[in-house]
Amino acid sequence: MQEILMEDNKTTITWAPRVRQKHIRRLYELDARGIYDEELLDKVGWGLYSRCESFIAAVEAVNGSVRCPSCGQVVFHNCIPEGILHCNHCGWEMTWRAYFKTIQHKQLSGADPVIVLFKEYIDKFTSARTPQEKMLLIDRLIHGFHWNMVYGPTRATGVNLIEGNYHEVVDFLDNLTYGDSSTPGVRATWQEWREKINETAKVWGDERLKRRDNEGLIQGEKHDARY
């Protein structure tokens, strides 16, 4: 977990970190050979689970409902920077400005459609029993998208879940390993994801996202995108 110690009242606010690329890469390398490492599946799966929970909590906080870090009660607020978040249940307090600083620059923002995707993952992963079920849930989640009613898919949600800047994460997902023994459905998910990435590239004029060849490589060099 990521821990941020706020000096105004010494309260530790924690947000789950994004999952490391090397663990997901290894998961797909094994899956391509028909091997299910259940310990690794759980490591990645529950890591994504915690990240989804943090993402949802952060979005709710920005929308006016903070979960008290001390007791879990909901604290409603009106987003005034110097306004005091006060929990009537346990007495915890913090300014909204200080709390918001713990959310900024951590890829913890998004709109309703992606919240639905993340909540669905949380609900289903809890009850998943077989390695195949877990693999398919993980695969669908990391290949999700933010949506706009006018433009359609606007941005891959992988950057909210996996370490790296936006173009690094797209490049990473574009080069995961697939084989004849991969879990049925994962290759099709990648193909759909790649089509949506191409759609977003056309909408936003981002040549770096366009597909270069049948291997799914990205045009241009990696760079530090400012998101």
Protein backbone atom coordinates (compact mmCIF):
# COMPACT_ATOMS: atom_id res chain seq x y z
CA MET A 1 0.00 0.00 0.00
CA GLN A 2 1.06 3.58 -0.61
CA GLU A 3 1.17 5.63 2.57
CA ILE A 4 1.08 9.42 2.79
CA LEU A 5 1.53 11.05 6.18
CA MET A 6 -0.33 14.34 6.37
CA GLU A 7 1.22 16.87 8.74
CA ASP A 8 -2.00 18.66 9.67
CA ASN A 9 -3.20 15.84 11.92
CA LYS A 10 -0.71 12.98 11.39
CA THR A 11 -3.32 10.79 9.71
CA THR A 12 -2.07 8.23 7.22
CA ILE A 13 -4.08 8.10 4.00
CA THR A 14 -3.47 4.95 1.96
CA TRP A 15 -4.17 4.22 -1.71
CA ALA A 16 -3.40 0.87 -3.28
CA PRO A 17 -0.54 1.11 -5.81
CA ARG A 18 -0.84 0.21 -9.46
CA VAL A 19 0.15 -3.38 -10.24
CA ARG A 20 3.70 -3.99 -11.45
CA GLN A 21 4.14 -4.80 -15.11
CA LYS A 22 6.51 -7.69 -14.49
CA HIS A 23 3.85 -9.68 -12.63
CA ILE A 24 1.27 -9.24 -15.38
CA ARG A 25 3.84 -10.00 -18.09
CA ARG A 26 4.77 -13.26 -16.35
CA LEU A 27 1.09 -14.17 -15.97
CA TYR A 28 0.54 -13.91 -19.74
CA GLU A 29 3.77 -15.71 -20.59
CA LEU A 30 2.64 -18.68 -18.50
CA ASP A 31 -0.92 -18.50 -19.79
CA ALA A 32 0.34 -18.68 -23.39
CA ARG A 33 1.88 -22.06 -22.47
CA GLY A 34 -1.30 -23.27 -20.80
CA ILE A 35 0.17 -22.90 -17.30
CA TYR A 36 -1.83 -21.38 -14.44
CA ASP A 37 0.26 -20.12 -11.54
CA GLU A 38 -2.50 -19.70 -8.97
CA GLU A 39 -0.28 -17.82 -6.54
CA LEU A 40 0.59 -15.31 -9.26
CA LEU A 41 -3.04 -15.13 -10.39
CA ASP A 42 -4.06 -14.19 -6.86
CA LYS A 43 -1.18 -11.71 -6.51
CA VAL A 44 -2.23 -9.89 -9.67
CA GLY A 45 -5.95 -10.37 -9.20
CA TRP A 46 -6.13 -9.12 -5.63
CA GLY A 47 -3.68 -6.34 -6.42
CA LEU A 48 -6.06 -5.13 -9.11
CA TYR A 49 -8.97 -5.61 -6.71
CA SER A 50 -7.38 -3.29 -4.15
CA ARG A 51 -6.49 -0.77 -6.83
CA CYS A 52 -10.10 -0.73 -8.08
CA GLU A 53 -11.31 -0.13 -4.52
CA SER A 54 -8.92 2.80 -4.11
CA PHE A 55 -9.90 4.24 -7.49
CA ILE A 56 -13.60 4.13 -6.62
CA ALA A 57 -13.01 5.65 -3.16
CA ALA A 58 -10.92 8.47 -4.67
CA VAL A 59 -13.57 9.30 -7.27
CA GLU A 60 -16.28 9.29 -4.61
CA ALA A 61 -14.15 11.62 -2.49
CA VAL A 62 -13.77 14.09 -5.35
CA ASN A 63 -17.54 13.92 -5.83
CA GLY A 64 -18.19 14.87 -2.20
CA SER A 65 -18.14 11.62 -0.20
CA VAL A 66 -14.93 10.84 1.69
CA ARG A 67 -14.55 7.59 3.57
CA CYS A 68 -13.06 8.32 6.97
CA PRO A 69 -9.59 6.66 7.08
CA SER A 70 -10.01 6.00 10.80
CA CYS A 71 -13.41 4.31 11.02
CA GLY A 72 -14.79 4.02 7.49
CA GLN A 73 -17.79 6.31 7.93
CA VAL A 74 -18.78 8.52 5.00
CA VAL A 75 -17.95 12.21 5.43
CA PHE A 76 -19.83 14.53 3.07
CA HIS A 77 -18.22 17.78 1.93
CA ASN A 78 -18.59 20.54 -0.68
CA CYS A 79 -15.03 20.55 -2.06
CA ILE A 80 -14.00 23.88 -0.51
CA PRO A 81 -10.16 23.71 -0.31
CA GLU A 82 -9.91 24.97 3.27
CA GLY A 83 -13.13 23.28 4.35
CA ILE A 84 -12.75 20.79 7.19
CA LEU A 85 -13.60 17.13 6.67
CA HIS A 86 -14.98 16.07 10.04
CA CYS A 87 -16.12 12.58 11.00
CA ASN A 88 -18.93 12.73 13.53
CA HIS A 89 -18.35 9.10 14.44
CA CYS A 90 -14.67 9.13 15.51
CA GLY A 91 -13.67 12.80 15.37
CA TRP A 92 -11.14 12.49 12.53
CA GLU A 93 -10.47 15.79 10.75
CA MET A 94 -8.52 17.04 7.76
CA THR A 95 -8.82 19.88 5.28
CA TRP A 96 -10.12 18.95 1.86
CA ARG A 97 -7.02 20.56 0.35
CA ALA A 98 -4.74 18.22 2.29
CA TYR A 99 -6.86 15.17 1.51
CA PHE A 100 -7.05 16.01 -2.19
CA LYS A 101 -3.26 16.21 -2.38
CA THR A 102 -3.12 12.50 -1.54
CA ILE A 103 -5.19 11.75 -4.67
CA GLN A 104 -3.47 14.01 -7.19
CA HIS A 105 -1.05 12.59 -9.77
CA LYS A 106 -1.81 8.98 -8.91
CA GLN A 107 -4.11 8.03 -11.82
CA LEU A 108 -7.14 7.91 -9.51
CA SER A 109 -9.75 9.74 -11.57
CA GLY A 110 -12.47 8.72 -14.01
CA ALA A 111 -16.15 8.90 -14.93
CA ASP A 112 -19.14 6.62 -14.30
CA PRO A 113 -18.57 4.02 -17.08
CA VAL A 114 -15.18 3.01 -15.75
CA ILE A 115 -16.54 2.89 -12.20
CA VAL A 116 -19.10 0.35 -13.42
CA LEU A 117 -16.29 -1.75 -14.94
CA PHE A 118 -14.24 -1.64 -11.74
CA LYS A 119 -17.21 -2.47 -9.50
CA GLU A 120 -18.10 -5.40 -11.74
CA TYR A 121 -14.57 -6.73 -11.39
CA ILE A 122 -14.71 -6.40 -7.60
CA ASP A 123 -18.03 -8.26 -7.46
CA LYS A 124 -16.99 -11.09 -9.78
CA PHE A 125 -13.41 -11.65 -8.68
CA THR A 126 -14.55 -12.30 -5.12
CA SER A 127 -16.56 -15.30 -6.29
CA ALA A 128 -14.19 -16.55 -9.02
CA ARG A 129 -13.01 -20.07 -8.26
CA THR A 130 -11.12 -21.45 -11.23
CA PRO A 131 -7.85 -20.12 -12.69
CA GLN A 132 -9.61 -19.63 -16.03
CA GLU A 133 -12.28 -17.45 -14.43
CA LYS A 134 -9.68 -15.29 -12.72
CA MET A 135 -7.58 -14.94 -15.87
CA LEU A 136 -10.56 -13.81 -17.94
CA LEU A 137 -11.64 -11.28 -15.32
CA ILE A 138 -8.12 -9.85 -15.08
CA ASP A 139 -7.82 -9.73 -18.86
CA ARG A 140 -11.12 -7.92 -19.35
CA LEU A 141 -10.34 -5.40 -16.62
CA ILE A 142 -6.90 -4.32 -17.79
CA HIS A 143 -8.19 -3.95 -21.37
CA GLY A 144 -11.02 -1.61 -20.36
CA PHE A 145 -11.69 1.96 -21.51
CA HIS A 146 -12.95 5.30 -20.34
CA TRP A 147 -15.93 6.30 -22.46
CA ASN A 148 -17.53 9.46 -23.75
CA MET A 149 -21.13 9.50 -25.01
CA VAL A 150 -20.08 11.43 -28.12
CA TYR A 151 -16.60 10.08 -28.90
CA GLY A 152 -16.90 6.53 -27.61
CA PRO A 153 -13.69 5.07 -26.09
CA THR A 154 -11.39 7.91 -25.05
CA ARG A 155 -8.62 6.42 -22.94
CA ALA A 156 -7.47 2.96 -21.89
CA THR A 157 -8.01 2.24 -18.19
CA GLY A 158 -4.83 0.18 -17.99
CA VAL A 159 -2.93 3.29 -16.92
CA ASN A 160 -5.14 3.52 -13.83
CA LEU A 161 -4.27 -0.05 -12.90
CA ILE A 162 -0.74 -0.78 -14.14
CA GLU A 163 2.53 1.04 -13.39
CA GLY A 164 3.87 3.39 -16.07
CA ASN A 165 2.75 6.46 -17.99
CA TYR A 166 -0.04 6.21 -20.54
CA HIS A 167 1.99 5.35 -23.63
CA GLU A 168 4.20 2.95 -21.69
CA VAL A 169 1.13 1.06 -20.46
CA VAL A 170 -0.42 0.93 -23.94
CA ASP A 171 2.88 -0.34 -25.32
CA PHE A 172 3.06 -2.92 -22.52
CA LEU A 173 -0.47 -4.22 -23.17
CA ASP A 174 0.20 -4.28 -26.90
CA ASN A 175 3.10 -6.67 -26.39
CA LEU A 176 1.73 -9.22 -23.93
CA THR A 177 2.40 -12.83 -24.86
CA TYR A 178 -0.28 -15.02 -26.46
CA GLY A 179 -0.08 -18.58 -27.76
CA ASP A 180 -2.12 -21.55 -28.88
CA SER A 181 -2.61 -22.55 -25.24
CA SER A 182 -3.75 -19.12 -24.01
CA THR A 183 -7.03 -19.01 -22.11
CA PRO A 184 -9.83 -18.95 -24.72
CA GLY A 185 -11.03 -15.39 -25.19
CA VAL A 186 -7.94 -13.40 -24.18
CA ARG A 187 -6.61 -12.98 -27.70
CA ALA A 188 -10.03 -11.76 -28.87
CA THR A 189 -10.09 -9.26 -26.02
CA TRP A 190 -6.73 -7.89 -27.15
CA GLN A 191 -8.00 -7.55 -30.74
CA GLU A 192 -11.05 -5.57 -29.58
CA TRP A 193 -8.82 -3.45 -27.35
CA ARG A 194 -6.44 -2.69 -30.21
CA GLU A 195 -9.36 -1.58 -32.42
CA LYS A 196 -10.49 0.83 -29.70
CA ILE A 197 -6.94 2.14 -29.26
CA ASN A 198 -6.91 2.92 -32.97
CA GLU A 199 -10.26 4.71 -32.56
CA THR A 200 -8.86 6.90 -29.79
CA ALA A 201 -5.78 7.64 -31.90
CA LYS A 202 -8.00 8.94 -34.71
CA VAL A 203 -10.13 11.05 -32.35
CA TRP A 204 -7.19 12.64 -30.55
CA GLY A 205 -4.76 12.65 -33.46
CA ASP A 206 -2.16 10.66 -31.54
CA GLU A 207 0.06 8.92 -34.09
CA ARG A 208 1.98 7.13 -31.35
CA LEU A 209 -1.05 4.96 -30.56
CA LYS A 210 -1.61 3.77 -34.11
CA ARG A 211 -0.68 0.24 -34.94
CA ARG A 212 2.51 -0.20 -36.98
CA ASP A 213 2.19 -3.83 -38.04
CA ASN A 214 0.47 -7.10 -37.25
CA GLU A 215 2.57 -7.59 -34.14
CA GLY A 216 0.72 -4.75 -32.42
CA LEU A 217 3.73 -2.48 -32.00
CA ILE A 218 3.38 1.22 -31.32
CA GLN A 219 4.60 3.92 -33.67
CA GLY A 220 7.20 6.27 -32.21
CA GLU A 221 9.36 6.06 -29.15
CA LYS A 222 8.15 5.88 -25.58
CA HIS A 223 8.01 9.16 -23.75
CA ASP A 224 6.77 10.66 -20.51
CA ALA A 225 3.18 11.61 -21.29
CA ARG A 226 1.76 14.26 -19.01
CA TYR A 227 -1.42 12.73 -17.59
